[in-house]
Amino acid sequence: TVEDALEQLDRHLDAAMLAGLPWVHIIHGKGTGALRQAVRDFLSRHPLVRSFRPGGDGEGGEGVTIAVLSEE
């Protein structure tokens, strides 16, 4: 479910921050766009995320979101 995916994403963001990663690729696929929108809504209010953007050419396009983590 979307809720399960967001719980996993939250854990992944925590682990990425602890590992000192500057950013993460989130692969949500293209599909109907429901998961993509839920992921981006979640990222927009997540305290560990400084910014995010769609994947570019060669990064997965709209099937991927790239989140830049805060430096805190």
N, C-alpha and C. Protein backbone atom coordinates (compact mmCIF):
# COMPACT_ATOMS: atom_id res chain seq x y z
N THR A 1 0.84 -1.19 0.00
CA THR A 1 0.00 0.00 0.00
C THR A 1 0.88 1.25 0.00
N VAL A 2 0.27 2.37 -0.27
CA VAL A 2 1.00 3.64 -0.24
C VAL A 2 1.53 3.90 1.17
N GLU A 3 0.73 3.60 2.18
CA GLU A 3 1.16 3.82 3.56
C GLU A 3 2.41 3.00 3.88
N ASP A 4 2.43 1.74 3.44
CA ASP A 4 3.60 0.89 3.65
C ASP A 4 4.83 1.46 2.95
N ALA A 5 4.64 1.93 1.74
CA ALA A 5 5.74 2.51 0.97
C ALA A 5 6.30 3.75 1.68
N LEU A 6 5.43 4.58 2.22
CA LEU A 6 5.89 5.79 2.91
C LEU A 6 6.61 5.46 4.21
N GLU A 7 6.17 4.41 4.90
CA GLU A 7 6.87 3.97 6.11
C GLU A 7 8.28 3.49 5.75
N GLN A 8 8.40 2.73 4.66
CA GLN A 8 9.71 2.28 4.20
C GLN A 8 10.57 3.46 3.80
N LEU A 9 9.99 4.41 3.11
CA LEU A 9 10.72 5.60 2.69
C LEU A 9 11.25 6.36 3.91
N ASP A 10 10.44 6.50 4.93
CA ASP A 10 10.86 7.19 6.14
C ASP A 10 12.08 6.51 6.76
N ARG A 11 12.04 5.19 6.85
CA ARG A 11 13.18 4.43 7.39
C ARG A 11 14.42 4.60 6.51
N HIS A 12 14.21 4.60 5.19
CA HIS A 12 15.33 4.75 4.25
C HIS A 12 15.96 6.14 4.38
N LEU A 13 15.15 7.16 4.54
CA LEU A 13 15.69 8.52 4.71
C LEU A 13 16.50 8.63 6.00
N ASP A 14 16.00 8.03 7.07
CA ASP A 14 16.75 8.02 8.34
C ASP A 14 18.10 7.33 8.17
N ALA A 15 18.10 6.18 7.51
CA ALA A 15 19.34 5.43 7.31
C ALA A 15 20.31 6.20 6.42
N ALA A 16 19.79 6.84 5.39
CA ALA A 16 20.64 7.62 4.48
C ALA A 16 21.28 8.79 5.22
N MET A 17 20.52 9.44 6.07
CA MET A 17 21.06 10.56 6.84
C MET A 17 22.15 10.07 7.79
N LEU A 18 21.90 8.97 8.49
CA LEU A 18 22.89 8.41 9.42
C LEU A 18 24.16 7.99 8.69
N ALA A 19 24.02 7.56 7.44
CA ALA A 19 25.17 7.14 6.63
C ALA A 19 25.91 8.33 6.02
N GLY A 20 25.34 9.52 6.17
CA GLY A 20 25.98 10.72 5.64
C GLY A 20 25.79 10.93 4.15
N LEU A 21 24.77 10.30 3.59
CA LEU A 21 24.51 10.47 2.15
C LEU A 21 23.93 11.85 1.88
N PRO A 22 24.35 12.50 0.80
CA PRO A 22 23.83 13.83 0.50
C PRO A 22 22.46 13.81 -0.17
N TRP A 23 22.13 12.70 -0.85
CA TRP A 23 20.86 12.60 -1.55
C TRP A 23 20.49 11.14 -1.75
N VAL A 24 19.24 10.89 -2.09
CA VAL A 24 18.77 9.54 -2.39
C VAL A 24 17.91 9.56 -3.64
N HIS A 25 17.98 8.47 -4.39
CA HIS A 25 17.07 8.23 -5.52
C HIS A 25 15.90 7.43 -4.98
N ILE A 26 14.69 7.85 -5.24
CA ILE A 26 13.50 7.11 -4.82
C ILE A 26 12.82 6.64 -6.09
N ILE A 27 12.79 5.34 -6.30
CA ILE A 27 12.19 4.77 -7.50
C ILE A 27 10.76 4.37 -7.17
N HIS A 28 9.80 5.12 -7.71
CA HIS A 28 8.39 4.84 -7.45
C HIS A 28 7.67 4.39 -8.71
N GLY A 29 8.32 4.44 -9.84
CA GLY A 29 7.71 4.04 -11.10
C GLY A 29 6.77 5.12 -11.63
N LYS A 30 6.29 4.89 -12.83
CA LYS A 30 5.42 5.87 -13.48
C LYS A 30 3.95 5.57 -13.20
N GLY A 31 3.48 4.41 -13.56
CA GLY A 31 2.12 3.97 -13.26
C GLY A 31 1.06 5.05 -13.36
N THR A 32 0.16 5.06 -12.38
CA THR A 32 -0.94 6.04 -12.38
C THR A 32 -0.50 7.39 -11.82
N GLY A 33 0.64 7.41 -11.15
CA GLY A 33 1.13 8.64 -10.54
C GLY A 33 0.72 8.79 -9.09
N ALA A 34 -0.10 7.88 -8.57
CA ALA A 34 -0.57 8.00 -7.18
C ALA A 34 0.59 7.87 -6.20
N LEU A 35 1.46 6.89 -6.40
CA LEU A 35 2.59 6.72 -5.49
C LEU A 35 3.58 7.87 -5.64
N ARG A 36 3.83 8.29 -6.87
CA ARG A 36 4.73 9.43 -7.10
C ARG A 36 4.24 10.66 -6.34
N GLN A 37 2.96 10.96 -6.44
CA GLN A 37 2.41 12.13 -5.76
C GLN A 37 2.47 11.98 -4.25
N ALA A 38 2.18 10.78 -3.75
CA ALA A 38 2.24 10.54 -2.30
C ALA A 38 3.68 10.71 -1.80
N VAL A 39 4.64 10.19 -2.56
CA VAL A 39 6.05 10.32 -2.18
C VAL A 39 6.45 11.79 -2.14
N ARG A 40 6.08 12.54 -3.16
CA ARG A 40 6.48 13.95 -3.22
C ARG A 40 5.78 14.78 -2.15
N ASP A 41 4.54 14.47 -1.85
CA ASP A 41 3.85 15.15 -0.75
C ASP A 41 4.56 14.86 0.58
N PHE A 42 4.93 13.60 0.77
CA PHE A 42 5.63 13.18 1.98
C PHE A 42 6.97 13.91 2.11
N LEU A 43 7.73 13.96 1.01
CA LEU A 43 9.03 14.63 1.03
C LEU A 43 8.91 16.11 1.32
N SER A 44 7.83 16.72 0.85
CA SER A 44 7.67 18.18 1.00
C SER A 44 7.56 18.60 2.46
N ARG A 45 7.20 17.66 3.34
CA ARG A 45 7.06 18.01 4.76
C ARG A 45 7.99 17.19 5.66
N HIS A 46 8.91 16.44 5.06
CA HIS A 46 9.82 15.61 5.86
C HIS A 46 10.98 16.47 6.37
N PRO A 47 11.27 16.41 7.67
CA PRO A 47 12.30 17.28 8.24
C PRO A 47 13.73 16.99 7.76
N LEU A 48 14.00 15.81 7.23
CA LEU A 48 15.34 15.48 6.77
C LEU A 48 15.59 15.88 5.32
N VAL A 49 14.54 16.31 4.62
CA VAL A 49 14.65 16.60 3.19
C VAL A 49 14.73 18.10 2.96
N ARG A 50 15.83 18.53 2.34
CA ARG A 50 16.01 19.94 2.02
C ARG A 50 15.26 20.31 0.74
N SER A 51 15.33 19.43 -0.27
CA SER A 51 14.64 19.68 -1.54
C SER A 51 14.50 18.35 -2.28
N PHE A 52 13.71 18.37 -3.33
CA PHE A 52 13.56 17.19 -4.18
C PHE A 52 13.18 17.63 -5.57
N ARG A 53 13.42 16.73 -6.53
CA ARG A 53 13.11 17.01 -7.92
C ARG A 53 12.85 15.71 -8.66
N PRO A 54 12.16 15.79 -9.79
CA PRO A 54 11.99 14.60 -10.62
C PRO A 54 13.34 14.16 -11.18
N GLY A 55 13.46 12.89 -11.48
CA GLY A 55 14.67 12.42 -12.14
C GLY A 55 14.78 13.04 -13.52
N GLY A 56 15.99 13.27 -13.95
CA GLY A 56 16.22 13.83 -15.27
C GLY A 56 16.46 12.73 -16.29
N ASP A 57 16.83 13.13 -17.50
CA ASP A 57 17.20 12.16 -18.53
C ASP A 57 18.37 11.34 -18.01
N GLY A 58 18.29 10.05 -18.14
CA GLY A 58 19.35 9.18 -17.66
C GLY A 58 19.26 8.85 -16.18
N GLU A 59 18.28 9.44 -15.48
CA GLU A 59 18.10 9.17 -14.04
C GLU A 59 16.80 8.42 -13.76
N GLY A 60 15.99 8.23 -14.77
CA GLY A 60 14.72 7.54 -14.58
C GLY A 60 13.51 8.41 -14.85
N GLY A 61 13.72 9.68 -15.17
CA GLY A 61 12.62 10.57 -15.52
C GLY A 61 11.57 10.66 -14.42
N GLU A 62 10.31 10.66 -14.83
CA GLU A 62 9.21 10.80 -13.87
C GLU A 62 8.98 9.56 -13.01
N GLY A 63 9.72 8.48 -13.28
CA GLY A 63 9.61 7.28 -12.45
C GLY A 63 10.49 7.33 -11.22
N VAL A 64 11.24 8.43 -11.08
CA VAL A 64 12.20 8.58 -9.99
C VAL A 64 12.06 9.98 -9.39
N THR A 65 12.23 10.09 -8.09
CA THR A 65 12.35 11.38 -7.43
C THR A 65 13.69 11.39 -6.70
N ILE A 66 14.41 12.48 -6.82
CA ILE A 66 15.70 12.63 -6.15
C ILE A 66 15.52 13.61 -5.00
N ALA A 67 15.82 13.14 -3.80
CA ALA A 67 15.68 13.96 -2.60
C ALA A 67 17.06 14.35 -2.09
N VAL A 68 17.24 15.64 -1.86
CA VAL A 68 18.48 16.16 -1.27
C VAL A 68 18.25 16.27 0.23
N LEU A 69 19.14 15.65 0.99
CA LEU A 69 18.97 15.62 2.44
C LEU A 69 19.54 16.87 3.10
N SER A 70 18.97 17.22 4.22
CA SER A 70 19.48 18.35 5.01
C SER A 70 20.87 18.02 5.51
N GLU A 71 21.63 19.05 5.81
CA GLU A 71 23.00 18.84 6.29
C GLU A 71 23.08 18.78 7.80
N GLU A 72 21.96 18.80 8.48
CA GLU A 72 21.93 18.80 9.94
C GLU A 72 22.20 17.43 10.50
